[in-house]
């Protein structure tokens, strides 16, 4: 399976209502570079991809691992991943899920 990094960046950017100019400013990258990435005319470095992910409010790991998730789902995954065990148990109770049965 071939993963189109540029298309995924564009999808996540548009889902947040960001222009290429705004995202590039937030990431500290040039707008022309972000446009080239989105069009597949350039390949990102790990560093630039990390900057873009940070600007989008997600982790690089989530960007790569959860290719089919929406930006809202990616943010939820990030938040849940930062919860302590006690907080996670409370969250599961709140959501009506048994934390012992989740694997």
PDB file of N, CA and C in Angstrom:
ATOM      1  N   UNK A   1       0.842  -1.179   0.000  1.00  0.00           N
ATOM      2  CA  UNK A   1       0.000   0.000   0.000  1.00  0.00           C
ATOM      3  C   UNK A   1       0.889   1.244   0.000  1.00  0.00           C
ATOM      4  N   UNK A   2       0.610   2.169  -0.880  1.00  0.00           N
ATOM      5  CA  UNK A   2       1.379   3.391  -1.010  1.00  0.00           C
ATOM      6  C   UNK A   2       0.672   4.521  -0.263  1.00  0.00           C
ATOM      7  N   UNK A   3       1.373   5.154   0.632  1.00  0.00           N
ATOM      8  CA  UNK A   3       0.822   6.229   1.455  1.00  0.00           C
ATOM      9  C   UNK A   3       1.241   7.562   0.863  1.00  0.00           C
ATOM     10  N   UNK A   4       0.279   8.381   0.469  1.00  0.00           N
ATOM     11  CA  UNK A   4       0.543   9.687  -0.129  1.00  0.00           C
ATOM     12  C   UNK A   4       0.646  10.724   0.989  1.00  0.00           C
ATOM     13  N   UNK A   5       1.860  11.019   1.389  1.00  0.00           N
ATOM     14  CA  UNK A   5       2.106  11.940   2.504  1.00  0.00           C
ATOM     15  C   UNK A   5       1.554  13.324   2.204  1.00  0.00           C
ATOM     16  N   UNK A   6       1.789  13.807   1.006  1.00  0.00           N
ATOM     17  CA  UNK A   6       1.323  15.143   0.639  1.00  0.00           C
ATOM     18  C   UNK A   6      -0.185  15.267   0.689  1.00  0.00           C
ATOM     19  N   UNK A   7      -0.872  14.263   0.162  1.00  0.00           N
ATOM     20  CA  UNK A   7      -2.336  14.283   0.188  1.00  0.00           C
ATOM     21  C   UNK A   7      -2.851  14.237   1.617  1.00  0.00           C
ATOM     22  N   UNK A   8      -2.171  13.492   2.471  1.00  0.00           N
ATOM     23  CA  UNK A   8      -2.594  13.396   3.878  1.00  0.00           C
ATOM     24  C   UNK A   8      -2.371  14.732   4.597  1.00  0.00           C
ATOM     25  N   UNK A   9      -1.274  15.395   4.327  1.00  0.00           N
ATOM     26  CA  UNK A   9      -1.029  16.715   4.924  1.00  0.00           C
ATOM     27  C   UNK A   9      -2.133  17.675   4.492  1.00  0.00           C
ATOM     28  N   UNK A  10      -2.434  17.665   3.206  1.00  0.00           N
ATOM     29  CA  UNK A  10      -3.479  18.550   2.679  1.00  0.00           C
ATOM     30  C   UNK A  10      -4.831  18.232   3.313  1.00  0.00           C
ATOM     31  N   UNK A  11      -5.157  16.958   3.426  1.00  0.00           N
ATOM     32  CA  UNK A  11      -6.429  16.539   4.027  1.00  0.00           C
ATOM     33  C   UNK A  11      -6.549  17.052   5.466  1.00  0.00           C
ATOM     34  N   UNK A  12      -5.489  16.868   6.251  1.00  0.00           N
ATOM     35  CA  UNK A  12      -5.518  17.306   7.650  1.00  0.00           C
ATOM     36  C   UNK A  12      -5.535  18.831   7.756  1.00  0.00           C
ATOM     37  N   UNK A  13      -4.798  19.494   6.883  1.00  0.00           N
ATOM     38  CA  UNK A  13      -4.785  20.959   6.877  1.00  0.00           C
ATOM     39  C   UNK A  13      -6.174  21.505   6.562  1.00  0.00           C
ATOM     40  N   UNK A  14      -6.784  20.981   5.517  1.00  0.00           N
ATOM     41  CA  UNK A  14      -8.106  21.451   5.117  1.00  0.00           C
ATOM     42  C   UNK A  14      -9.166  21.135   6.166  1.00  0.00           C
ATOM     43  N   UNK A  15      -9.018  20.010   6.845  1.00  0.00           N
ATOM     44  CA  UNK A  15      -9.983  19.640   7.889  1.00  0.00           C
ATOM     45  C   UNK A  15      -9.982  20.651   9.029  1.00  0.00           C
ATOM     46  N   UNK A  16      -8.868  21.348   9.187  1.00  0.00           N
ATOM     47  CA  UNK A  16      -8.775  22.375  10.227  1.00  0.00           C
ATOM     48  C   UNK A  16      -9.043  23.773   9.688  1.00  0.00           C
ATOM     49  N   UNK A  17      -9.330  23.854   8.413  1.00  0.00           N
ATOM     50  CA  UNK A  17      -9.625  25.154   7.813  1.00  0.00           C
ATOM     51  C   UNK A  17      -8.399  26.043   7.692  1.00  0.00           C
ATOM     52  N   UNK A  18      -7.232  25.427   7.560  1.00  0.00           N
ATOM     53  CA  UNK A  18      -5.992  26.193   7.459  1.00  0.00           C
ATOM     54  C   UNK A  18      -5.585  26.371   6.003  1.00  0.00           C
ATOM     55  N   UNK A  19      -5.062  27.523   5.693  1.00  0.00           N
ATOM     56  CA  UNK A  19      -4.479  27.745   4.374  1.00  0.00           C
ATOM     57  C   UNK A  19      -3.048  27.208   4.395  1.00  0.00           C
ATOM     58  N   UNK A  20      -2.467  27.029   3.223  1.00  0.00           N
ATOM     59  CA  UNK A  20      -1.064  26.604   3.188  1.00  0.00           C
ATOM     60  C   UNK A  20      -0.183  27.673   3.829  1.00  0.00           C
ATOM     61  N   UNK A  21      -0.559  28.920   3.654  1.00  0.00           N
ATOM     62  CA  UNK A  21       0.207  30.005   4.254  1.00  0.00           C
ATOM     63  C   UNK A  21       0.186  29.916   5.784  1.00  0.00           C
ATOM     64  N   UNK A  22      -0.991  29.695   6.342  1.00  0.00           N
ATOM     65  CA  UNK A  22      -1.125  29.612   7.805  1.00  0.00           C
ATOM     66  C   UNK A  22      -0.370  28.401   8.350  1.00  0.00           C
ATOM     67  N   UNK A  23      -0.541  27.249   7.720  1.00  0.00           N
ATOM     68  CA  UNK A  23       0.154  26.046   8.192  1.00  0.00           C
ATOM     69  C   UNK A  23       1.658  26.218   8.080  1.00  0.00           C
ATOM     70  N   UNK A  24       2.128  26.763   6.981  1.00  0.00           N
ATOM     71  CA  UNK A  24       3.573  26.940   6.814  1.00  0.00           C
ATOM     72  C   UNK A  24       4.124  27.888   7.876  1.00  0.00           C
ATOM     73  N   UNK A  25       3.392  28.959   8.185  1.00  0.00           N
ATOM     74  CA  UNK A  25       3.829  29.876   9.245  1.00  0.00           C
ATOM     75  C   UNK A  25       3.857  29.186  10.606  1.00  0.00           C
ATOM     76  N   UNK A  26       2.830  28.399  10.886  1.00  0.00           N
ATOM     77  CA  UNK A  26       2.763  27.686  12.163  1.00  0.00           C
ATOM     78  C   UNK A  26       3.896  26.670  12.299  1.00  0.00           C
ATOM     79  N   UNK A  27       4.293  26.075  11.180  1.00  0.00           N
ATOM     80  CA  UNK A  27       5.344  25.056  11.198  1.00  0.00           C
ATOM     81  C   UNK A  27       6.744  25.645  11.027  1.00  0.00           C
ATOM     82  N   UNK A  28       6.811  26.916  10.645  1.00  0.00           N
ATOM     83  CA  UNK A  28       8.115  27.536  10.414  1.00  0.00           C
ATOM     84  C   UNK A  28       8.751  27.086   9.108  1.00  0.00           C
ATOM     85  N   UNK A  29       7.910  26.765   8.135  1.00  0.00           N
ATOM     86  CA  UNK A  29       8.380  26.324   6.830  1.00  0.00           C
ATOM     87  C   UNK A  29       7.873  27.297   5.770  1.00  0.00           C
ATOM     88  N   UNK A  30       8.478  27.253   4.597  1.00  0.00           N
ATOM     89  CA  UNK A  30       8.013  28.147   3.540  1.00  0.00           C
ATOM     90  C   UNK A  30       6.713  27.623   2.947  1.00  0.00           C
ATOM     91  N   UNK A  31       5.887  28.555   2.501  1.00  0.00           N
ATOM     92  CA  UNK A  31       4.619  28.178   1.889  1.00  0.00           C
ATOM     93  C   UNK A  31       4.859  27.380   0.609  1.00  0.00           C
ATOM     94  N   UNK A  32       5.858  27.759  -0.155  1.00  0.00           N
ATOM     95  CA  UNK A  32       6.132  27.037  -1.408  1.00  0.00           C
ATOM     96  C   UNK A  32       6.539  25.592  -1.114  1.00  0.00           C
ATOM     97  N   UNK A  33       7.268  25.360  -0.033  1.00  0.00           N
ATOM     98  CA  UNK A  33       7.661  24.007   0.347  1.00  0.00           C
ATOM     99  C   UNK A  33       6.432  23.171   0.725  1.00  0.00           C
ATOM    100  N   UNK A  34       5.533  23.758   1.507  1.00  0.00           N
ATOM    101  CA  UNK A  34       4.316  23.039   1.908  1.00  0.00           C
ATOM    102  C   UNK A  34       3.469  22.726   0.675  1.00  0.00           C
ATOM    103  N   UNK A  35       3.360  23.663  -0.227  1.00  0.00           N
ATOM    104  CA  UNK A  35       2.599  23.422  -1.461  1.00  0.00           C
ATOM    105  C   UNK A  35       3.220  22.297  -2.280  1.00  0.00           C
ATOM    106  N   UNK A  36       4.553  22.288  -2.379  1.00  0.00           N
ATOM    107  CA  UNK A  36       5.235  21.234  -3.124  1.00  0.00           C
ATOM    108  C   UNK A  36       5.029  19.869  -2.459  1.00  0.00           C
ATOM    109  N   UNK A  37       5.050  19.851  -1.134  1.00  0.00           N
ATOM    110  CA  UNK A  37       4.787  18.597  -0.427  1.00  0.00           C
ATOM    111  C   UNK A  37       3.396  18.072  -0.751  1.00  0.00           C
ATOM    112  N   UNK A  38       2.420  18.953  -0.653  1.00  0.00           N
ATOM    113  CA  UNK A  38       1.036  18.559  -0.892  1.00  0.00           C
ATOM    114  C   UNK A  38       0.812  18.065  -2.317  1.00  0.00           C
ATOM    115  N   UNK A  39       1.535  18.625  -3.264  1.00  0.00           N
ATOM    116  CA  UNK A  39       1.395  18.219  -4.669  1.00  0.00           C
ATOM    117  C   UNK A  39       2.253  17.003  -5.008  1.00  0.00           C
ATOM    118  N   UNK A  40       3.062  16.554  -4.063  1.00  0.00           N
ATOM    119  CA  UNK A  40       3.939  15.415  -4.319  1.00  0.00           C
ATOM    120  C   UNK A  40       5.173  15.784  -5.116  1.00  0.00           C
ATOM    121  N   UNK A  41       5.476  17.067  -5.187  1.00  0.00           N
ATOM    122  CA  UNK A  41       6.633  17.538  -5.947  1.00  0.00           C
ATOM    123  C   UNK A  41       7.902  17.553  -5.114  1.00  0.00           C
ATOM    124  N   UNK A  42       7.761  17.322  -3.830  1.00  0.00           N
ATOM    125  CA  UNK A  42       8.899  17.291  -2.922  1.00  0.00           C
ATOM    126  C   UNK A  42       8.626  16.244  -1.854  1.00  0.00           C
ATOM    127  N   UNK A  43       9.685  15.674  -1.326  1.00  0.00           N
ATOM    128  CA  UNK A  43       9.542  14.696  -0.249  1.00  0.00           C
ATOM    129  C   UNK A  43       9.950  15.363   1.054  1.00  0.00           C
ATOM    130  N   UNK A  44       9.173  15.171   2.103  1.00  0.00           N
ATOM    131  CA  UNK A  44       9.498  15.824   3.371  1.00  0.00           C
ATOM    132  C   UNK A  44      10.646  15.142   4.095  1.00  0.00           C
ATOM    133  N   UNK A  45      11.384  15.936   4.834  1.00  0.00           N
ATOM    134  CA  UNK A  45      12.357  15.365   5.759  1.00  0.00           C
ATOM    135  C   UNK A  45      11.587  14.967   7.015  1.00  0.00           C
ATOM    136  N   UNK A  46      12.171  14.150   7.838  1.00  0.00           N
ATOM    137  CA  UNK A  46      11.527  13.784   9.099  1.00  0.00           C
ATOM    138  C   UNK A  46      11.312  15.041   9.939  1.00  0.00           C
ATOM    139  N   UNK A  47      12.297  15.927   9.922  1.00  0.00           N
ATOM    140  CA  UNK A  47      12.191  17.170  10.704  1.00  0.00           C
ATOM    141  C   UNK A  47      11.020  18.030  10.230  1.00  0.00           C
ATOM    142  N   UNK A  48      10.873  18.203   8.919  1.00  0.00           N
ATOM    143  CA  UNK A  48       9.779  19.040   8.418  1.00  0.00           C
ATOM    144  C   UNK A  48       8.427  18.380   8.676  1.00  0.00           C
ATOM    145  N   UNK A  49       8.379  17.062   8.581  1.00  0.00           N
ATOM    146  CA  UNK A  49       7.136  16.362   8.869  1.00  0.00           C
ATOM    147  C   UNK A  49       6.765  16.495  10.347  1.00  0.00           C
ATOM    148  N   UNK A  50       7.760  16.441  11.213  1.00  0.00           N
ATOM    149  CA  UNK A  50       7.505  16.655  12.647  1.00  0.00           C
ATOM    150  C   UNK A  50       6.977  18.061  12.899  1.00  0.00           C
ATOM    151  N   UNK A  51       7.540  19.054  12.215  1.00  0.00           N
ATOM    152  CA  UNK A  51       7.084  20.432  12.370  1.00  0.00           C
ATOM    153  C   UNK A  51       5.635  20.586  11.898  1.00  0.00           C
ATOM    154  N   UNK A  52       5.319  19.976  10.777  1.00  0.00           N
ATOM    155  CA  UNK A  52       3.952  20.044  10.259  1.00  0.00           C
ATOM    156  C   UNK A  52       2.971  19.345  11.194  1.00  0.00           C
ATOM    157  N   UNK A  53       3.347  18.179  11.683  1.00  0.00           N
ATOM    158  CA  UNK A  53       2.473  17.453  12.609  1.00  0.00           C
ATOM    159  C   UNK A  53       2.243  18.261  13.873  1.00  0.00           C
ATOM    160  N   UNK A  54       3.304  18.859  14.397  1.00  0.00           N
ATOM    161  CA  UNK A  54       3.166  19.692  15.598  1.00  0.00           C
ATOM    162  C   UNK A  54       2.210  20.854  15.329  1.00  0.00           C
ATOM    163  N   UNK A  55       2.357  21.482  14.177  1.00  0.00           N
ATOM    164  CA  UNK A  55       1.473  22.596  13.812  1.00  0.00           C
ATOM    165  C   UNK A  55       0.024  22.133  13.677  1.00  0.00           C
ATOM    166  N   UNK A  56      -0.169  20.889  13.251  1.00  0.00           N
ATOM    167  CA  UNK A  56      -1.513  20.327  13.110  1.00  0.00           C
ATOM    168  C   UNK A  56      -2.062  19.798  14.437  1.00  0.00           C
ATOM    169  N   UNK A  57      -1.213  19.773  15.461  1.00  0.00           N
ATOM    170  CA  UNK A  57      -1.655  19.323  16.776  1.00  0.00           C
ATOM    171  C   UNK A  57      -1.680  17.815  16.946  1.00  0.00           C
ATOM    172  N   UNK A  58      -0.873  17.118  16.158  1.00  0.00           N
ATOM    173  CA  UNK A  58      -0.795  15.667  16.250  1.00  0.00           C
ATOM    174  C   UNK A  58       0.669  15.252  16.339  1.00  0.00           C
ATOM    175  N   UNK A  59       0.905  13.982  16.645  1.00  0.00           N
ATOM    176  CA  UNK A  59       2.275  13.484  16.678  1.00  0.00           C
ATOM    177  C   UNK A  59       2.628  12.860  15.332  1.00  0.00           C
ATOM    178  N   UNK A  60       3.907  12.793  15.070  1.00  0.00           N
ATOM    179  CA  UNK A  60       4.382  12.140  13.854  1.00  0.00           C
ATOM    180  C   UNK A  60       3.991  10.664  13.877  1.00  0.00           C
ATOM    181  N   UNK A  61       4.086  10.049  15.031  1.00  0.00           N
ATOM    182  CA  UNK A  61       3.715   8.638  15.165  1.00  0.00           C
ATOM    183  C   UNK A  61       2.252   8.416  14.776  1.00  0.00           C
ATOM    184  N   UNK A  62       1.386   9.290  15.254  1.00  0.00           N
ATOM    185  CA  UNK A  62      -0.030   9.167  14.908  1.00  0.00           C
ATOM    186  C   UNK A  62      -0.265   9.429  13.427  1.00  0.00           C
ATOM    187  N   UNK A  63       0.456  10.374  12.856  1.00  0.00           N
ATOM    188  CA  UNK A  63       0.332  10.684  11.431  1.00  0.00           C
ATOM    189  C   UNK A  63       0.618   9.440  10.594  1.00  0.00           C
ATOM    190  N   UNK A  64       1.658   8.715  10.985  1.00  0.00           N
ATOM    191  CA  UNK A  64       2.075   7.534  10.231  1.00  0.00           C
ATOM    192  C   UNK A  64       1.224   6.314  10.568  1.00  0.00           C
ATOM    193  N   UNK A  65       0.891   6.149  11.839  1.00  0.00           N
ATOM    194  CA  UNK A  65       0.183   4.952  12.293  1.00  0.00           C
ATOM    195  C   UNK A  65      -1.289   4.962  11.920  1.00  0.00           C
ATOM    196  N   UNK A  66      -1.929   6.110  12.086  1.00  0.00           N
ATOM    197  CA  UNK A  66      -3.376   6.209  11.888  1.00  0.00           C
ATOM    198  C   UNK A  66      -3.693   6.979  10.607  1.00  0.00           C
ATOM    199  N   UNK A  67      -3.351   6.390   9.492  1.00  0.00           N
ATOM    200  CA  UNK A  67      -3.480   7.055   8.191  1.00  0.00           C
ATOM    201  C   UNK A  67      -4.909   7.346   7.779  1.00  0.00           C
ATOM    202  N   UNK A  68      -5.858   6.616   8.351  1.00  0.00           N
ATOM    203  CA  UNK A  68      -7.247   6.766   7.932  1.00  0.00           C
ATOM    204  C   UNK A  68      -8.113   7.500   8.955  1.00  0.00           C
ATOM    205  N   UNK A  69      -7.496   8.074   9.962  1.00  0.00           N
ATOM    206  CA  UNK A  69      -8.248   8.756  11.019  1.00  0.00           C
ATOM    207  C   UNK A  69      -8.395  10.245  10.710  1.00  0.00           C
ATOM    208  N   UNK A  70      -9.507  10.802  11.162  1.00  0.00           N
ATOM    209  CA  UNK A  70      -9.730  12.238  11.000  1.00  0.00           C
ATOM    210  C   UNK A  70      -8.862  13.005  11.988  1.00  0.00           C
ATOM    211  N   UNK A  71      -8.774  14.302  11.794  1.00  0.00           N
ATOM    212  CA  UNK A  71      -7.991  15.135  12.706  1.00  0.00           C
ATOM    213  C   UNK A  71      -8.576  15.083  14.114  1.00  0.00           C
ATOM    214  N   UNK A  72      -9.892  15.032  14.235  1.00  0.00           N
ATOM    215  CA  UNK A  72     -10.522  14.935  15.559  1.00  0.00           C
ATOM    216  C   UNK A  72     -10.155  13.614  16.230  1.00  0.00           C
ATOM    217  N   UNK A  73     -10.154  12.541  15.466  1.00  0.00           N
ATOM    218  CA  UNK A  73      -9.779  11.241  16.026  1.00  0.00           C
ATOM    219  C   UNK A  73      -8.308  11.231  16.436  1.00  0.00           C
ATOM    220  N   UNK A  74      -7.450  11.837  15.635  1.00  0.00           N
ATOM    221  CA  UNK A  74      -6.030  11.897  15.973  1.00  0.00           C
ATOM    222  C   UNK A  74      -5.801  12.693  17.256  1.00  0.00           C
ATOM    223  N   UNK A  75      -6.513  13.789  17.400  1.00  0.00           N
ATOM    224  CA  UNK A  75      -6.377  14.583  18.621  1.00  0.00           C
ATOM    225  C   UNK A  75      -6.885  13.812  19.837  1.00  0.00           C
ATOM    226  N   UNK A  76      -7.972  13.079  19.668  1.00  0.00           N
ATOM    227  CA  UNK A  76      -8.508  12.272  20.771  1.00  0.00           C
ATOM    228  C   UNK A  76      -7.508  11.189  21.169  1.00  0.00           C
ATOM    229  N   UNK A  77      -6.886  10.554  20.193  1.00  0.00           N
ATOM    230  CA  UNK A  77      -5.877   9.532  20.469  1.00  0.00           C
ATOM    231  C   UNK A  77      -4.724  10.141  21.260  1.00  0.00           C
ATOM    232  N   UNK A  78      -4.305  11.333  20.863  1.00  0.00           N
ATOM    233  CA  UNK A  78      -3.199  12.010  21.558  1.00  0.00           C
ATOM    234  C   UNK A  78      -3.585  12.320  23.001  1.00  0.00           C
ATOM    235  N   UNK A  79      -4.770  12.857  23.206  1.00  0.00           N
ATOM    236  CA  UNK A  79      -5.223  13.212  24.555  1.00  0.00           C
ATOM    237  C   UNK A  79      -5.340  11.967  25.421  1.00  0.00           C
ATOM    238  N   UNK A  80      -5.956  10.932  24.897  1.00  0.00           N
ATOM    239  CA  UNK A  80      -6.134   9.696  25.663  1.00  0.00           C
ATOM    240  C   UNK A  80      -4.781   9.085  26.014  1.00  0.00           C
ATOM    241  N   UNK A  81      -3.837   9.163  25.084  1.00  0.00           N
ATOM    242  CA  UNK A  81      -2.504   8.627  25.326  1.00  0.00           C
ATOM    243  C   UNK A  81      -1.751   9.340  26.431  1.00  0.00           C
ATOM    244  N   UNK A  82      -2.140  10.559  26.740  1.00  0.00           N
ATOM    245  CA  UNK A  82      -1.470  11.340  27.778  1.00  0.00           C
ATOM    246  C   UNK A  82      -2.117  11.185  29.159  1.00  0.00           C
ATOM    247  N   UNK A  83      -3.238  10.454  29.229  1.00  0.00           N
ATOM    248  CA  UNK A  83      -3.931  10.270  30.502  1.00  0.00           C
ATOM    249  C   UNK A  83      -3.187   9.275  31.386  1.00  0.00           C
ATOM    250  N   UNK A  84      -3.225   9.520  32.684  1.00  0.00           N
ATOM    251  CA  UNK A  84      -2.691   8.552  33.635  1.00  0.00           C
ATOM    252  C   UNK A  84      -3.662   7.374  33.700  1.00  0.00           C
ATOM    253  N   UNK A  85      -3.237   6.287  34.312  1.00  0.00           N
ATOM    254  CA  UNK A  85      -4.126   5.125  34.445  1.00  0.00           C
ATOM    255  C   UNK A  85      -5.402   5.492  35.196  1.00  0.00           C
ATOM    256  N   UNK A  86      -5.266   6.300  36.236  1.00  0.00           N
ATOM    257  CA  UNK A  86      -6.432   6.697  37.018  1.00  0.00           C
ATOM    258  C   UNK A  86      -7.380   7.556  36.173  1.00  0.00           C
ATOM    259  N   UNK A  87      -6.821   8.491  35.424  1.00  0.00           N
ATOM    260  CA  UNK A  87      -7.634   9.336  34.555  1.00  0.00           C
ATOM    261  C   UNK A  87      -8.302   8.502  33.467  1.00  0.00           C
ATOM    262  N   UNK A  88      -7.585   7.538  32.931  1.00  0.00           N
ATOM    263  CA  UNK A  88      -8.132   6.678  31.888  1.00  0.00           C
ATOM    264  C   UNK A  88      -9.289   5.844  32.426  1.00  0.00           C
ATOM    265  N   UNK A  89      -9.151   5.344  33.647  1.00  0.00           N
ATOM    266  CA  UNK A  89     -10.245   4.589  34.266  1.00  0.00           C
ATOM    267  C   UNK A  89     -11.482   5.475  34.418  1.00  0.00           C
ATOM    268  N   UNK A  90     -11.287   6.716  34.871  1.00  0.00           N
ATOM    269  CA  UNK A  90     -12.400   7.652  34.997  1.00  0.00           C
ATOM    270  C   UNK A  90     -13.035   7.957  33.651  1.00  0.00           C
ATOM    271  N   UNK A  91     -12.207   8.131  32.641  1.00  0.00           N
ATOM    272  CA  UNK A  91     -12.713   8.387  31.290  1.00  0.00           C
ATOM    273  C   UNK A  91     -13.555   7.214  30.801  1.00  0.00           C
ATOM    274  N   UNK A  92     -13.053   6.007  31.019  1.00  0.00           N
ATOM    275  CA  UNK A  92     -13.792   4.808  30.582  1.00  0.00           C
ATOM    276  C   UNK A  92     -15.131   4.697  31.307  1.00  0.00           C
ATOM    277  N   UNK A  93     -15.140   5.010  32.596  1.00  0.00           N
ATOM    278  CA  UNK A  93     -16.404   4.990  33.345  1.00  0.00           C
ATOM    279  C   UNK A  93     -17.361   6.030  32.773  1.00  0.00           C
ATOM    280  N   UNK A  94     -16.853   7.207  32.509  1.00  0.00           N
ATOM    281  CA  UNK A  94     -17.664   8.282  31.951  1.00  0.00           C
ATOM    282  C   UNK A  94     -18.264   7.880  30.602  1.00  0.00           C
ATOM    283  N   UNK A  95     -17.497   7.174  29.816  1.00  0.00           N
ATOM    284  CA  UNK A  95     -17.938   6.763  28.485  1.00  0.00           C
ATOM    285  C   UNK A  95     -18.727   5.457  28.508  1.00  0.00           C
ATOM    286  N   UNK A  96     -18.851   4.870  29.692  1.00  0.00           N
ATOM    287  CA  UNK A  96     -19.612   3.628  29.808  1.00  0.00           C
ATOM    288  C   UNK A  96     -18.862   2.402  29.344  1.00  0.00           C
ATOM    289  N   UNK A  97     -17.540   2.479  29.348  1.00  0.00           N
ATOM    290  CA  UNK A  97     -16.724   1.352  28.940  1.00  0.00           C
ATOM    291  C   UNK A  97     -15.959   0.828  30.136  1.00  0.00           C
ATOM    292  N   UNK A  98     -15.802  -0.470  30.195  1.00  0.00           N
ATOM    293  CA  UNK A  98     -15.035  -1.116  31.253  1.00  0.00           C
ATOM    294  C   UNK A  98     -13.571  -1.098  30.860  1.00  0.00           C
ATOM    295  N   UNK A  99     -12.731  -0.359  31.597  1.00  0.00           N
ATOM    296  CA  UNK A  99     -11.329  -0.204  31.230  1.00  0.00           C
ATOM    297  C   UNK A  99     -10.573  -1.529  31.275  1.00  0.00           C
ATOM    298  N   UNK A 100     -11.046  -2.508  32.081  1.00  0.00           N
ATOM    299  CA  UNK A 100     -10.377  -3.806  32.137  1.00  0.00           C
ATOM    300  C   UNK A 100     -10.607  -4.628  30.880  1.00  0.00           C
ATOM    301  N   UNK A 101     -11.693  -4.355  30.171  1.00  0.00           N
ATOM    302  CA  UNK A 101     -12.008  -5.137  28.979  1.00  0.00           C
ATOM    303  C   UNK A 101     -11.413  -4.545  27.712  1.00  0.00           C
ATOM    304  N   UNK A 102     -10.793  -3.365  27.811  1.00  0.00           N
ATOM    305  CA  UNK A 102     -10.195  -2.699  26.640  1.00  0.00           C
ATOM    306  C   UNK A 102      -8.745  -3.118  26.514  1.00  0.00           C
ATOM    307  N   UNK A 103      -8.392  -3.572  25.342  1.00  0.00           N
ATOM    308  CA  UNK A 103      -7.003  -3.984  25.116  1.00  0.00           C
ATOM    309  C   UNK A 103      -6.442  -3.286  23.925  1.00  0.00           C
TER     310      UNK A 103
END
